[in-house]
Amino acid sequence: MLFKQQVWLRQKLLVLGSLALGSLLYLVARVGSLDRLQPICPVESRFGGTHSQAEFPLRALQFKRGLLHEFRKGNSSKEQVRLHDLVQQLPKAIIIGVRKGGTRALLEMLNLHPAVVKASQEIHFFDNDENYAKGIEWYRKKMPFSYPQQITIEKSPAYFITEEVPERIYKMNSSIKLLIIVREPTTRAISDYTQVLEGKERKNKTYYKFEKLAIDPNTCEVNTKYKAVRTSIYTKHLERWLKYFPIEQFHIVDGDRLITEPLPELQLVEKFLNLPPRISQYNLYFNATRGFYCLRFNIIFNKCLAGSKGRIHPEVDPSVITKLRKFFHPFNQKFYQITGRTLNWP
């Protein structure tokens, strides 16, 4: 009796083993076919790069994210870099601003795309004279490792308002793609103030109320000497950039909409960068505790922005908000006219 049970059990195990092996072979074949069916992304050719224009399956780039992560952590040798055909490329697109417009959120969300590699830190190459003097090779070596078919994106929001930057970027790459993410100007100014206020409070320092900084006490008019106000006059800064780059090389991202409806904004950026659409609603989920969208790279890895994002703004006198919005209105209208994008600002 025991012998029969053993035979029966062995037969069952053989059947299950055969089924498992068959399923595994099917999955391998399926992944291979999906790989061939995925959109092909000749990213370098679209951006006029100097690398070979060999097409590269996006699925393969997706699977190699883990490897790139290890290289970013410094777990690599020169031999490994050579074997995997990894390079440190100059950026093909830069998020040039605006401060407190959502530059970090935009960069992290774009990094969901398998053909995009982000520079994790703000490098401040073009707006910092000391860094700029170190040369373009120093800048390139600050970029992450990537495959030649991927594009590197960096962000430094100070670029948008720094006078020397447009010419410096033009000298590096006159055909570069430039991303500007903006929020309603008064909201952005208050957010700017809130970040500075938090820094002062951490150091136990006192700071003026927003109303006192934004409104000139002598004239009772908007204080254009206050940096948070000046930064929100987007058209003034954009006009300086347009001396070097045509408007077609800029894409305006609605930072307010990126908070509430990120996917449509990201799809517009994918189109601007000539990337196949790969970011989907699956990659974005609303975190009710944090109050904004978080990122889902795959079934295992999720990511939310740092806790410093989404700070609660202090209460501001409604009359000051009204005065600021009235002040910004004509500048906003000109910004819409130049960029061809009308935003839902009061």
Protein backbone atom coordinates (compact mmCIF):
# COMPACT_ATOMS: atom_id res chain seq x y z
CA MET A 1 0.00 0.00 0.00
CA LEU A 2 2.79 2.39 0.95
CA PHE A 3 4.63 1.55 -2.30
CA LYS A 4 1.54 2.43 -4.38
CA GLN A 5 1.20 5.77 -2.58
CA GLN A 6 4.84 6.57 -3.31
CA VAL A 7 4.37 5.74 -7.02
CA TRP A 8 1.21 7.86 -7.18
CA LEU A 9 2.99 10.77 -5.46
CA ARG A 10 5.95 10.51 -7.84
CA GLN A 11 3.62 10.60 -10.85
CA LYS A 12 1.85 13.69 -9.47
CA LEU A 13 5.18 15.46 -8.95
CA LEU A 14 6.23 14.66 -12.51
CA VAL A 15 2.96 16.08 -13.87
CA LEU A 16 3.28 19.25 -11.78
CA GLY A 17 6.91 19.59 -12.79
CA SER A 18 6.00 19.30 -16.45
CA LEU A 19 3.28 21.93 -16.08
CA ALA A 20 5.66 24.29 -14.29
CA LEU A 21 8.33 23.84 -16.95
CA GLY A 22 5.79 24.41 -19.71
CA SER A 23 4.55 27.60 -18.03
CA LEU A 24 8.11 28.87 -17.65
CA LEU A 25 8.91 28.21 -21.32
CA TYR A 26 5.70 29.98 -22.32
CA LEU A 27 6.58 33.04 -20.22
CA VAL A 28 10.07 33.18 -21.69
CA ALA A 29 8.66 33.02 -25.20
CA ARG A 30 5.98 35.57 -24.29
CA VAL A 31 8.49 38.08 -22.91
CA GLY A 32 10.57 37.67 -26.05
CA SER A 33 7.58 38.34 -28.27
CA LEU A 34 6.50 41.33 -26.19
CA ASP A 35 10.01 42.70 -26.43
CA ARG A 36 9.82 42.54 -30.18
CA LEU A 37 6.39 44.13 -30.19
CA GLN A 38 7.35 47.08 -27.95
CA PRO A 39 7.77 50.46 -29.64
CA ILE A 40 11.36 50.96 -30.70
CA CYS A 41 13.01 54.09 -29.41
CA PRO A 42 15.84 55.49 -31.53
CA VAL A 43 16.24 58.33 -29.01
CA GLU A 44 19.70 59.45 -30.09
CA SER A 45 18.67 59.93 -33.72
CA ARG A 46 15.72 62.07 -32.67
CA PHE A 47 17.93 64.37 -30.66
CA GLY A 48 20.74 64.49 -33.17
CA GLY A 49 23.23 62.67 -30.92
CA THR A 50 26.67 61.53 -31.98
CA HIS A 51 26.21 57.91 -30.90
CA SER A 52 25.20 55.17 -33.28
CA GLN A 53 21.53 55.26 -34.12
CA ALA A 54 20.92 51.61 -33.31
CA GLU A 55 17.36 51.06 -32.15
CA PHE A 56 16.89 49.75 -28.65
CA PRO A 57 13.79 48.02 -27.23
CA LEU A 58 12.23 50.00 -24.39
CA ARG A 59 11.48 46.79 -22.51
CA ALA A 60 15.19 46.02 -22.40
CA LEU A 61 15.84 49.48 -20.97
CA GLN A 62 13.15 48.88 -18.36
CA PHE A 63 14.72 45.58 -17.27
CA LYS A 64 18.17 47.22 -16.92
CA ARG A 65 17.01 49.92 -14.48
CA GLY A 66 18.30 47.87 -11.56
CA LEU A 67 21.74 47.72 -13.10
CA LEU A 68 21.83 51.47 -13.64
CA HIS A 69 20.76 51.96 -10.01
CA GLU A 70 23.81 49.99 -8.88
CA PHE A 71 26.07 52.16 -11.00
CA ARG A 72 24.50 55.31 -9.56
CA LYS A 73 25.34 54.01 -6.09
CA GLY A 74 28.96 53.62 -7.17
CA ASN A 75 28.92 49.80 -7.21
CA SER A 76 30.79 49.56 -10.49
CA SER A 77 34.19 49.21 -12.05
CA LYS A 78 35.56 50.66 -15.29
CA GLU A 79 35.43 47.19 -16.78
CA GLN A 80 31.73 46.78 -15.90
CA VAL A 81 30.96 50.17 -17.42
CA ARG A 82 32.75 49.18 -20.63
CA LEU A 83 31.09 45.76 -20.82
CA HIS A 84 27.59 47.21 -20.45
CA ASP A 85 28.22 49.99 -22.99
CA LEU A 86 27.39 52.65 -20.39
CA VAL A 87 28.20 56.32 -20.90
CA GLN A 88 27.83 59.64 -19.09
CA GLN A 89 26.02 61.84 -21.57
CA LEU A 90 25.40 65.55 -21.60
CA PRO A 91 21.68 66.23 -21.11
CA LYS A 92 19.44 66.35 -24.16
CA ALA A 93 16.79 68.18 -22.11
CA ILE A 94 16.98 70.45 -19.06
CA ILE A 95 14.27 71.50 -16.62
CA ILE A 96 15.35 75.13 -16.26
CA GLY A 97 12.68 76.23 -13.77
CA VAL A 98 10.76 77.54 -12.11
CA ARG A 99 11.71 77.39 -8.42
CA LYS A 100 8.75 76.05 -6.41
CA GLY A 101 6.94 75.26 -9.64
CA GLY A 102 7.30 71.48 -9.26
CA THR A 103 10.70 70.83 -10.86
CA ARG A 104 11.54 67.89 -8.58
CA ALA A 105 8.15 66.24 -9.08
CA LEU A 106 8.45 66.64 -12.86
CA LEU A 107 11.94 65.14 -12.94
CA GLU A 108 10.98 62.15 -10.80
CA MET A 109 7.85 61.51 -12.86
CA LEU A 110 9.74 61.68 -16.15
CA ASN A 111 12.17 59.16 -14.72
CA LEU A 112 9.32 56.63 -14.90
CA HIS A 113 10.00 56.45 -18.63
CA PRO A 114 12.54 53.71 -19.45
CA ALA A 115 14.27 55.90 -22.04
CA VAL A 116 14.93 58.69 -19.50
CA VAL A 117 17.74 58.87 -16.96
CA LYS A 118 17.77 61.69 -14.41
CA ALA A 119 20.61 63.53 -12.74
CA SER A 120 19.61 63.11 -9.10
CA GLN A 121 21.18 66.30 -7.74
CA GLU A 122 20.94 69.90 -8.91
CA ILE A 123 24.34 70.46 -10.50
CA HIS A 124 24.22 74.27 -10.83
CA PHE A 125 26.75 74.26 -13.64
CA PHE A 126 25.44 77.10 -15.78
CA ASP A 127 24.37 79.46 -12.97
CA ASN A 128 27.47 79.06 -10.78
CA ASP A 129 30.60 80.81 -12.08
CA GLU A 130 32.94 78.57 -10.07
CA ASN A 131 31.33 75.39 -11.43
CA TYR A 132 31.15 76.76 -14.96
CA ALA A 133 34.86 77.54 -14.91
CA LYS A 134 35.54 73.81 -14.35
CA GLY A 135 34.47 73.14 -17.91
CA ILE A 136 32.00 71.02 -19.83
CA GLU A 137 33.84 67.77 -19.11
CA TRP A 138 33.36 68.34 -15.36
CA TYR A 139 29.65 68.83 -16.05
CA ARG A 140 29.41 65.65 -18.13
CA LYS A 141 31.04 63.61 -15.38
CA LYS A 142 28.32 64.79 -13.00
CA MET A 143 25.76 63.02 -15.17
CA PRO A 144 24.47 59.52 -14.36
CA PHE A 145 25.49 56.44 -16.29
CA SER A 146 23.10 55.62 -19.10
CA TYR A 147 22.81 53.62 -22.30
CA PRO A 148 23.57 55.57 -25.48
CA GLN A 149 19.94 55.19 -26.59
CA GLN A 150 18.62 56.92 -23.46
CA ILE A 151 18.38 60.64 -22.80
CA THR A 152 19.70 62.33 -19.69
CA ILE A 153 17.69 65.12 -18.04
CA GLU A 154 18.86 67.44 -15.29
CA LYS A 155 17.07 70.19 -13.41
CA SER A 156 18.32 73.36 -11.76
CA PRO A 157 15.49 75.88 -11.27
CA ALA A 158 17.90 78.78 -10.76
CA TYR A 159 18.77 78.53 -14.46
CA PHE A 160 15.54 80.24 -15.48
CA ILE A 161 16.23 83.51 -13.65
CA THR A 162 20.04 83.71 -13.97
CA GLU A 163 21.12 86.16 -16.67
CA GLU A 164 24.19 84.30 -17.98
CA VAL A 165 22.58 80.87 -18.30
CA PRO A 166 20.80 81.05 -21.70
CA GLU A 167 23.99 81.92 -23.56
CA ARG A 168 26.00 79.28 -21.70
CA ILE A 169 23.50 76.51 -22.48
CA TYR A 170 23.30 77.67 -26.09
CA LYS A 171 27.08 77.30 -26.43
CA MET A 172 26.81 73.71 -25.16
CA ASN A 173 23.87 72.67 -27.36
CA SER A 174 21.86 75.10 -29.45
CA SER A 175 19.17 72.48 -30.18
CA ILE A 176 18.58 71.34 -26.58
CA LYS A 177 15.01 70.84 -25.31
CA LEU A 178 14.03 73.17 -22.46
CA LEU A 179 11.26 72.43 -19.94
CA ILE A 180 9.68 75.15 -17.80
CA ILE A 181 7.18 74.16 -15.12
CA VAL A 182 5.13 77.03 -13.73
CA ARG A 183 2.44 77.51 -11.13
CA GLU A 184 -0.03 80.33 -10.59
CA PRO A 185 2.40 83.21 -9.82
CA THR A 186 0.97 84.27 -6.46
CA THR A 187 0.77 80.68 -5.20
CA ARG A 188 4.34 80.11 -6.35
CA ALA A 189 5.56 83.25 -4.54
CA ILE A 190 3.89 82.14 -1.30
CA SER A 191 5.40 78.67 -1.69
CA ASP A 192 8.81 80.26 -2.21
CA TYR A 193 8.34 82.30 0.97
CA THR A 194 7.19 79.20 2.88
CA GLN A 195 10.37 77.30 2.06
CA VAL A 196 12.58 80.18 3.20
CA LEU A 197 10.46 80.62 6.34
CA GLU A 198 10.88 76.95 7.25
CA GLY A 199 14.64 77.26 6.87
CA LYS A 200 14.70 80.29 9.17
CA GLU A 201 12.57 78.54 11.79
CA ARG A 202 14.89 75.52 11.80
CA LYS A 203 17.71 77.88 12.73
CA ASN A 204 15.54 79.64 15.35
CA LYS A 205 15.64 82.85 13.35
CA THR A 206 12.79 85.31 12.94
CA TYR A 207 11.45 86.30 9.53
CA TYR A 208 9.09 88.92 8.19
CA LYS A 209 5.53 88.06 7.31
CA PHE A 210 4.87 87.50 3.63
CA GLU A 211 2.69 90.60 3.39
CA LYS A 212 5.51 92.84 4.60
CA LEU A 213 7.93 91.45 2.01
CA ALA A 214 5.54 91.35 -0.96
CA ILE A 215 4.10 94.86 -0.48
CA ASP A 216 6.29 97.96 -0.32
CA PRO A 217 5.31 99.72 2.94
CA ASN A 218 6.14 103.15 1.48
CA THR A 219 4.08 102.92 -1.69
CA CYS A 220 1.63 100.15 -0.72
CA GLU A 221 2.33 98.66 -4.14
CA VAL A 222 3.77 95.26 -5.04
CA ASN A 223 7.44 95.08 -4.10
CA THR A 224 9.23 94.00 -7.29
CA LYS A 225 12.56 94.01 -5.42
CA TYR A 226 11.40 90.96 -3.48
CA LYS A 227 12.90 87.93 -5.24
CA ALA A 228 9.83 85.72 -4.76
CA VAL A 229 7.79 88.30 -6.67
CA ARG A 230 10.41 88.83 -9.41
CA THR A 231 10.69 85.09 -10.06
CA SER A 232 6.94 84.88 -10.71
CA ILE A 233 7.12 87.42 -13.55
CA TYR A 234 7.71 84.57 -15.96
CA THR A 235 7.54 86.55 -19.18
CA LYS A 236 10.46 88.81 -18.17
CA HIS A 237 12.78 85.82 -17.77
CA LEU A 238 11.47 83.98 -20.82
CA GLU A 239 12.15 86.96 -23.07
CA ARG A 240 15.85 86.73 -22.17
CA TRP A 241 15.89 83.04 -23.17
CA LEU A 242 14.19 83.79 -26.48
CA LYS A 243 17.23 85.80 -27.56
CA TYR A 244 19.03 82.45 -27.92
CA PHE A 245 16.37 79.77 -28.44
CA PRO A 246 13.20 79.66 -30.56
CA ILE A 247 9.94 79.12 -28.71
CA GLU A 248 9.64 75.66 -30.33
CA GLN A 249 12.47 74.42 -28.10
CA PHE A 250 10.50 75.23 -24.94
CA HIS A 251 7.68 73.25 -23.39
CA ILE A 252 5.54 74.77 -20.66
CA VAL A 253 4.34 72.35 -17.98
CA ASP A 254 1.34 73.33 -15.87
CA GLY A 255 2.64 72.74 -12.34
CA ASP A 256 -0.80 73.15 -10.77
CA ARG A 257 -2.25 70.48 -13.05
CA LEU A 258 0.74 68.20 -12.45
CA ILE A 259 -0.39 68.07 -8.81
CA THR A 260 -4.01 67.17 -9.52
CA GLU A 261 -3.84 65.41 -12.92
CA PRO A 262 -0.23 64.43 -13.59
CA LEU A 263 -0.73 61.95 -16.44
CA PRO A 264 -1.97 64.37 -19.15
CA GLU A 265 0.92 66.74 -18.41
CA LEU A 266 3.47 63.91 -18.57
CA GLN A 267 2.02 62.69 -21.87
CA LEU A 268 2.50 66.16 -23.33
CA VAL A 269 6.14 66.10 -22.21
CA GLU A 270 6.66 62.64 -23.74
CA LYS A 271 5.39 64.03 -27.04
CA PHE A 272 7.62 67.11 -26.80
CA LEU A 273 10.68 64.93 -26.16
CA ASN A 274 9.72 62.60 -29.05
CA LEU A 275 9.48 59.64 -26.69
CA PRO A 276 7.10 56.73 -27.25
CA PRO A 277 4.24 56.92 -24.72
CA ARG A 278 5.13 54.66 -21.82
CA ILE A 279 4.02 56.46 -18.64
CA SER A 280 0.51 55.32 -17.73
CA GLN A 281 -1.99 55.67 -14.91
CA TYR A 282 -0.52 52.47 -13.45
CA ASN A 283 2.66 54.43 -12.66
CA LEU A 284 0.81 57.10 -10.65
CA TYR A 285 -1.31 56.57 -7.57
CA PHE A 286 -2.81 59.11 -5.20
CA ASN A 287 -1.54 58.91 -1.63
CA ALA A 288 -4.34 60.27 0.57
CA THR A 289 -2.02 60.58 3.57
CA ARG A 290 0.53 62.69 1.69
CA GLY A 291 -2.11 64.51 -0.33
CA PHE A 292 -0.43 64.09 -3.72
CA TYR A 293 0.50 61.49 -6.31
CA CYS A 294 3.27 58.95 -5.75
CA LEU A 295 5.16 56.88 -8.31
CA ARG A 296 4.92 53.16 -9.09
CA PHE A 297 7.86 51.88 -11.14
CA ASN A 298 6.82 48.24 -10.98
CA ILE A 299 5.02 45.73 -8.77
CA ILE A 300 7.79 45.99 -6.17
CA PHE A 301 9.16 49.54 -6.22
CA ASN A 302 7.06 52.58 -5.28
CA LYS A 303 8.29 56.07 -4.45
CA CYS A 304 6.82 59.25 -2.94
CA LEU A 305 8.46 62.65 -2.97
CA ALA A 306 10.26 63.84 0.15
CA GLY A 307 8.22 64.99 3.12
CA SER A 308 9.41 68.56 2.53
CA LYS A 309 7.25 68.68 -0.60
CA GLY A 310 3.71 69.96 -0.25
CA ARG A 311 4.37 72.25 2.71
CA ILE A 312 1.32 73.94 4.24
CA HIS A 313 1.34 77.62 3.31
CA PRO A 314 0.80 80.29 5.97
CA GLU A 315 -2.40 82.32 5.85
CA VAL A 316 -1.99 85.47 3.77
CA ASP A 317 -4.15 88.57 3.86
CA PRO A 318 -6.75 88.15 1.04
CA SER A 319 -6.30 91.78 -0.01
CA VAL A 320 -2.59 91.13 -0.59
CA ILE A 321 -3.39 88.06 -2.69
CA THR A 322 -5.84 90.12 -4.75
CA LYS A 323 -3.26 92.88 -5.24
CA LEU A 324 -0.61 90.39 -6.35
CA ARG A 325 -2.93 88.64 -8.80
CA LYS A 326 -3.92 91.97 -10.31
CA PHE A 327 -0.22 92.85 -10.63
CA PHE A 328 0.70 89.56 -12.32
CA HIS A 329 -2.29 89.52 -14.68
CA PRO A 330 -0.79 91.52 -17.62
CA PHE A 331 2.47 89.56 -17.39
CA ASN A 332 0.48 86.31 -17.44
CA GLN A 333 -1.41 87.39 -20.55
CA LYS A 334 1.85 88.12 -22.34
CA PHE A 335 3.24 84.75 -21.19
CA TYR A 336 0.21 82.98 -22.69
CA GLN A 337 0.67 84.88 -25.94
CA ILE A 338 4.38 84.05 -26.26
CA THR A 339 4.12 80.38 -25.32
CA GLY A 340 0.81 79.60 -27.00
CA ARG A 341 -0.46 77.96 -23.81
CA THR A 342 -3.26 79.52 -21.75
CA LEU A 343 -3.31 78.42 -18.13
CA ASN A 344 -6.23 78.51 -15.74
CA TRP A 345 -4.95 81.34 -13.54
CA PRO A 346 -7.15 84.01 -11.95
